[in-house]
Amino acid sequence: MGIVEIVVLVIHILVCFGLIISVLLHSGKGGGLSSVLGGASSSLFSGSYVVEKNLDRMTIVLASTFAVTTLLLVFFFK
């Protein structure tokens, strides 16, 4: 196993943990991070709406990175 494979595998594992955490922080039907930080009714007027939006962006980046590293691992270990 070369150094590139090890680096991709370590990145993949870190992204897996980050993706699990970011998905668990998302809101369900009426809760989640916004309700923990100040209630769902005040989320539009406080900063928690921005937190939810940034959490969405972070989840998209992590999911894309997960897909790329998965394809790279398939390519390296076939």
N, C-alpha and C. Protein backbone atom coordinates (compact mmCIF):
# COMPACT_ATOMS: atom_id res chain seq x y z
N MET A 1 0.85 -1.16 0.00
CA MET A 1 0.00 0.00 0.00
C MET A 1 0.90 1.23 0.00
N GLY A 2 0.69 2.10 -0.96
CA GLY A 2 1.51 3.29 -1.10
C GLY A 2 1.04 4.43 -0.23
N ILE A 3 1.82 5.50 -0.26
CA ILE A 3 1.52 6.66 0.57
C ILE A 3 0.24 7.36 0.12
N VAL A 4 -0.04 7.35 -1.18
CA VAL A 4 -1.26 8.00 -1.68
C VAL A 4 -2.49 7.27 -1.18
N GLU A 5 -2.46 5.96 -1.19
CA GLU A 5 -3.59 5.18 -0.70
C GLU A 5 -3.84 5.43 0.78
N ILE A 6 -2.77 5.53 1.55
CA ILE A 6 -2.90 5.77 2.99
C ILE A 6 -3.49 7.15 3.24
N VAL A 7 -3.03 8.15 2.50
CA VAL A 7 -3.55 9.50 2.67
C VAL A 7 -5.04 9.56 2.31
N VAL A 8 -5.42 8.93 1.21
CA VAL A 8 -6.84 8.92 0.81
C VAL A 8 -7.68 8.18 1.84
N LEU A 9 -7.16 7.10 2.38
CA LEU A 9 -7.89 6.34 3.40
C LEU A 9 -8.07 7.14 4.68
N VAL A 10 -7.06 7.87 5.10
CA VAL A 10 -7.17 8.70 6.31
C VAL A 10 -8.18 9.84 6.08
N ILE A 11 -8.12 10.47 4.92
CA ILE A 11 -9.07 11.53 4.59
C ILE A 11 -10.49 10.96 4.57
N HIS A 12 -10.65 9.77 4.02
CA HIS A 12 -11.97 9.12 3.94
C HIS A 12 -12.53 8.86 5.34
N ILE A 13 -11.71 8.37 6.23
CA ILE A 13 -12.17 8.08 7.58
C ILE A 13 -12.55 9.36 8.32
N LEU A 14 -11.76 10.41 8.18
CA LEU A 14 -12.08 11.68 8.83
C LEU A 14 -13.37 12.28 8.27
N VAL A 15 -13.56 12.17 6.96
CA VAL A 15 -14.78 12.68 6.33
C VAL A 15 -15.98 11.87 6.80
N CYS A 16 -15.82 10.56 6.99
CA CYS A 16 -16.92 9.72 7.49
C CYS A 16 -17.41 10.22 8.84
N PHE A 17 -16.48 10.46 9.76
CA PHE A 17 -16.87 10.95 11.08
C PHE A 17 -17.51 12.34 11.00
N GLY A 18 -16.96 13.22 10.18
CA GLY A 18 -17.54 14.54 10.02
C GLY A 18 -18.92 14.50 9.42
N LEU A 19 -19.14 13.61 8.46
CA LEU A 19 -20.44 13.48 7.83
C LEU A 19 -21.48 12.94 8.80
N ILE A 20 -21.09 11.98 9.62
CA ILE A 20 -22.01 11.45 10.63
C ILE A 20 -22.42 12.55 11.60
N ILE A 21 -21.47 13.33 12.06
CA ILE A 21 -21.76 14.40 13.01
C ILE A 21 -22.65 15.47 12.38
N SER A 22 -22.33 15.86 11.15
CA SER A 22 -23.12 16.92 10.52
C SER A 22 -24.55 16.47 10.22
N VAL A 23 -24.74 15.22 9.87
CA VAL A 23 -26.10 14.72 9.62
C VAL A 23 -26.89 14.64 10.93
N LEU A 24 -26.24 14.24 12.01
CA LEU A 24 -26.93 14.16 13.29
C LEU A 24 -27.30 15.53 13.84
N LEU A 25 -26.59 16.57 13.45
CA LEU A 25 -26.90 17.92 13.91
C LEU A 25 -28.05 18.56 13.15
N HIS A 26 -28.43 18.00 12.00
CA HIS A 26 -29.51 18.57 11.21
C HIS A 26 -30.84 18.44 11.92
N SER A 27 -31.74 19.34 11.55
CA SER A 27 -33.05 19.33 12.18
C SER A 27 -33.95 18.28 11.55
N GLY A 28 -34.88 17.80 12.32
CA GLY A 28 -35.87 16.87 11.83
C GLY A 28 -37.07 17.65 11.33
N LYS A 29 -38.27 17.23 11.74
CA LYS A 29 -39.47 17.93 11.30
C LYS A 29 -39.70 19.23 12.05
N GLY A 30 -39.14 19.35 13.23
CA GLY A 30 -39.38 20.60 13.96
C GLY A 30 -38.37 20.86 15.04
N GLY A 31 -37.13 20.49 14.79
CA GLY A 31 -36.16 20.70 15.85
C GLY A 31 -34.77 20.82 15.29
N GLY A 32 -33.87 20.17 15.93
CA GLY A 32 -32.50 20.17 15.46
C GLY A 32 -31.68 21.28 16.06
N LEU A 33 -30.69 21.70 15.35
CA LEU A 33 -29.74 22.67 15.85
C LEU A 33 -30.39 24.03 16.11
N SER A 34 -31.31 24.43 15.27
CA SER A 34 -31.94 25.74 15.46
C SER A 34 -32.78 25.78 16.72
N SER A 35 -33.47 24.71 17.05
CA SER A 35 -34.29 24.71 18.26
C SER A 35 -33.44 24.60 19.51
N VAL A 36 -32.29 23.97 19.40
CA VAL A 36 -31.39 23.86 20.55
C VAL A 36 -30.79 25.22 20.87
N LEU A 37 -30.52 26.01 19.84
CA LEU A 37 -29.84 27.29 20.05
C LEU A 37 -30.78 28.46 20.31
N GLY A 38 -32.06 28.27 20.33
CA GLY A 38 -32.91 29.41 20.64
C GLY A 38 -34.34 29.29 20.23
N GLY A 39 -34.78 28.15 19.84
CA GLY A 39 -36.18 27.97 19.48
C GLY A 39 -36.42 28.15 18.00
N ALA A 40 -37.38 27.41 17.49
CA ALA A 40 -37.66 27.45 16.06
C ALA A 40 -38.34 28.74 15.64
N SER A 41 -39.11 29.37 16.54
CA SER A 41 -39.82 30.58 16.15
C SER A 41 -38.90 31.77 16.00
N SER A 42 -37.82 31.81 16.74
CA SER A 42 -36.90 32.93 16.65
C SER A 42 -35.71 32.67 15.75
N SER A 43 -35.75 31.55 15.04
CA SER A 43 -34.58 31.19 14.24
C SER A 43 -34.37 32.13 13.06
N LEU A 44 -35.43 32.74 12.55
CA LEU A 44 -35.26 33.67 11.44
C LEU A 44 -34.70 35.01 11.90
N PHE A 45 -34.89 35.34 13.16
CA PHE A 45 -34.45 36.63 13.66
C PHE A 45 -33.11 36.57 14.39
N SER A 46 -32.68 35.40 14.77
CA SER A 46 -31.39 35.27 15.44
C SER A 46 -30.37 34.69 14.47
N GLY A 47 -29.21 34.32 14.98
CA GLY A 47 -28.16 33.82 14.12
C GLY A 47 -28.25 32.34 13.84
N SER A 48 -29.22 31.64 14.42
CA SER A 48 -29.27 30.19 14.25
C SER A 48 -29.69 29.79 12.84
N TYR A 49 -30.41 30.67 12.12
CA TYR A 49 -30.75 30.37 10.73
C TYR A 49 -29.48 30.31 9.88
N VAL A 50 -28.55 31.19 10.19
CA VAL A 50 -27.27 31.20 9.48
C VAL A 50 -26.48 29.93 9.82
N VAL A 51 -26.59 29.48 11.06
CA VAL A 51 -25.90 28.25 11.46
C VAL A 51 -26.46 27.07 10.69
N GLU A 52 -27.77 26.99 10.54
CA GLU A 52 -28.39 25.90 9.78
C GLU A 52 -27.96 25.93 8.32
N LYS A 53 -27.90 27.13 7.75
CA LYS A 53 -27.50 27.27 6.36
C LYS A 53 -26.04 26.83 6.17
N ASN A 54 -25.17 27.23 7.10
CA ASN A 54 -23.77 26.81 7.02
C ASN A 54 -23.62 25.31 7.25
N LEU A 55 -24.46 24.75 8.11
CA LEU A 55 -24.44 23.31 8.34
C LEU A 55 -24.84 22.55 7.08
N ASP A 56 -25.81 23.09 6.34
CA ASP A 56 -26.20 22.49 5.06
C ASP A 56 -25.03 22.49 4.08
N ARG A 57 -24.35 23.62 4.00
CA ARG A 57 -23.19 23.72 3.09
C ARG A 57 -22.08 22.76 3.49
N MET A 58 -21.82 22.67 4.79
CA MET A 58 -20.77 21.78 5.27
C MET A 58 -21.12 20.32 4.96
N THR A 59 -22.38 19.96 5.11
CA THR A 59 -22.81 18.60 4.82
C THR A 59 -22.66 18.28 3.34
N ILE A 60 -22.98 19.23 2.48
CA ILE A 60 -22.83 19.01 1.04
C ILE A 60 -21.37 18.82 0.67
N VAL A 61 -20.48 19.63 1.24
CA VAL A 61 -19.05 19.49 0.96
C VAL A 61 -18.53 18.15 1.46
N LEU A 62 -18.94 17.76 2.66
CA LEU A 62 -18.49 16.48 3.21
C LEU A 62 -19.02 15.30 2.40
N ALA A 63 -20.27 15.39 1.96
CA ALA A 63 -20.84 14.30 1.16
C ALA A 63 -20.14 14.19 -0.19
N SER A 64 -19.81 15.32 -0.80
CA SER A 64 -19.08 15.29 -2.07
C SER A 64 -17.68 14.73 -1.89
N THR A 65 -17.02 15.12 -0.82
CA THR A 65 -15.69 14.59 -0.54
C THR A 65 -15.75 13.10 -0.25
N PHE A 66 -16.78 12.66 0.45
CA PHE A 66 -16.97 11.24 0.72
C PHE A 66 -17.12 10.46 -0.58
N ALA A 67 -17.90 10.99 -1.51
CA ALA A 67 -18.11 10.30 -2.79
C ALA A 67 -16.81 10.22 -3.59
N VAL A 68 -16.05 11.30 -3.61
CA VAL A 68 -14.79 11.30 -4.36
C VAL A 68 -13.78 10.34 -3.74
N THR A 69 -13.65 10.38 -2.41
CA THR A 69 -12.69 9.47 -1.78
C THR A 69 -13.11 8.02 -1.91
N THR A 70 -14.42 7.76 -1.91
CA THR A 70 -14.90 6.39 -2.13
C THR A 70 -14.51 5.89 -3.52
N LEU A 71 -14.71 6.72 -4.53
CA LEU A 71 -14.32 6.33 -5.89
C LEU A 71 -12.81 6.16 -6.01
N LEU A 72 -12.04 7.00 -5.34
CA LEU A 72 -10.59 6.85 -5.38
C LEU A 72 -10.15 5.55 -4.70
N LEU A 73 -10.78 5.20 -3.60
CA LEU A 73 -10.43 3.96 -2.92
C LEU A 73 -10.80 2.74 -3.77
N VAL A 74 -11.92 2.81 -4.45
CA VAL A 74 -12.30 1.72 -5.36
C VAL A 74 -11.27 1.59 -6.48
N PHE A 75 -10.83 2.72 -6.99
CA PHE A 75 -9.83 2.70 -8.07
C PHE A 75 -8.50 2.14 -7.58
N PHE A 76 -8.07 2.53 -6.37
CA PHE A 76 -6.77 2.08 -5.86
C PHE A 76 -6.78 0.62 -5.45
N PHE A 77 -7.88 0.12 -4.90
CA PHE A 77 -7.90 -1.22 -4.32
C PHE A 77 -8.66 -2.24 -5.14
N LYS A 78 -8.79 -2.01 -6.44
CA LYS A 78 -9.52 -3.00 -7.25
C LYS A 78 -8.66 -4.20 -7.59
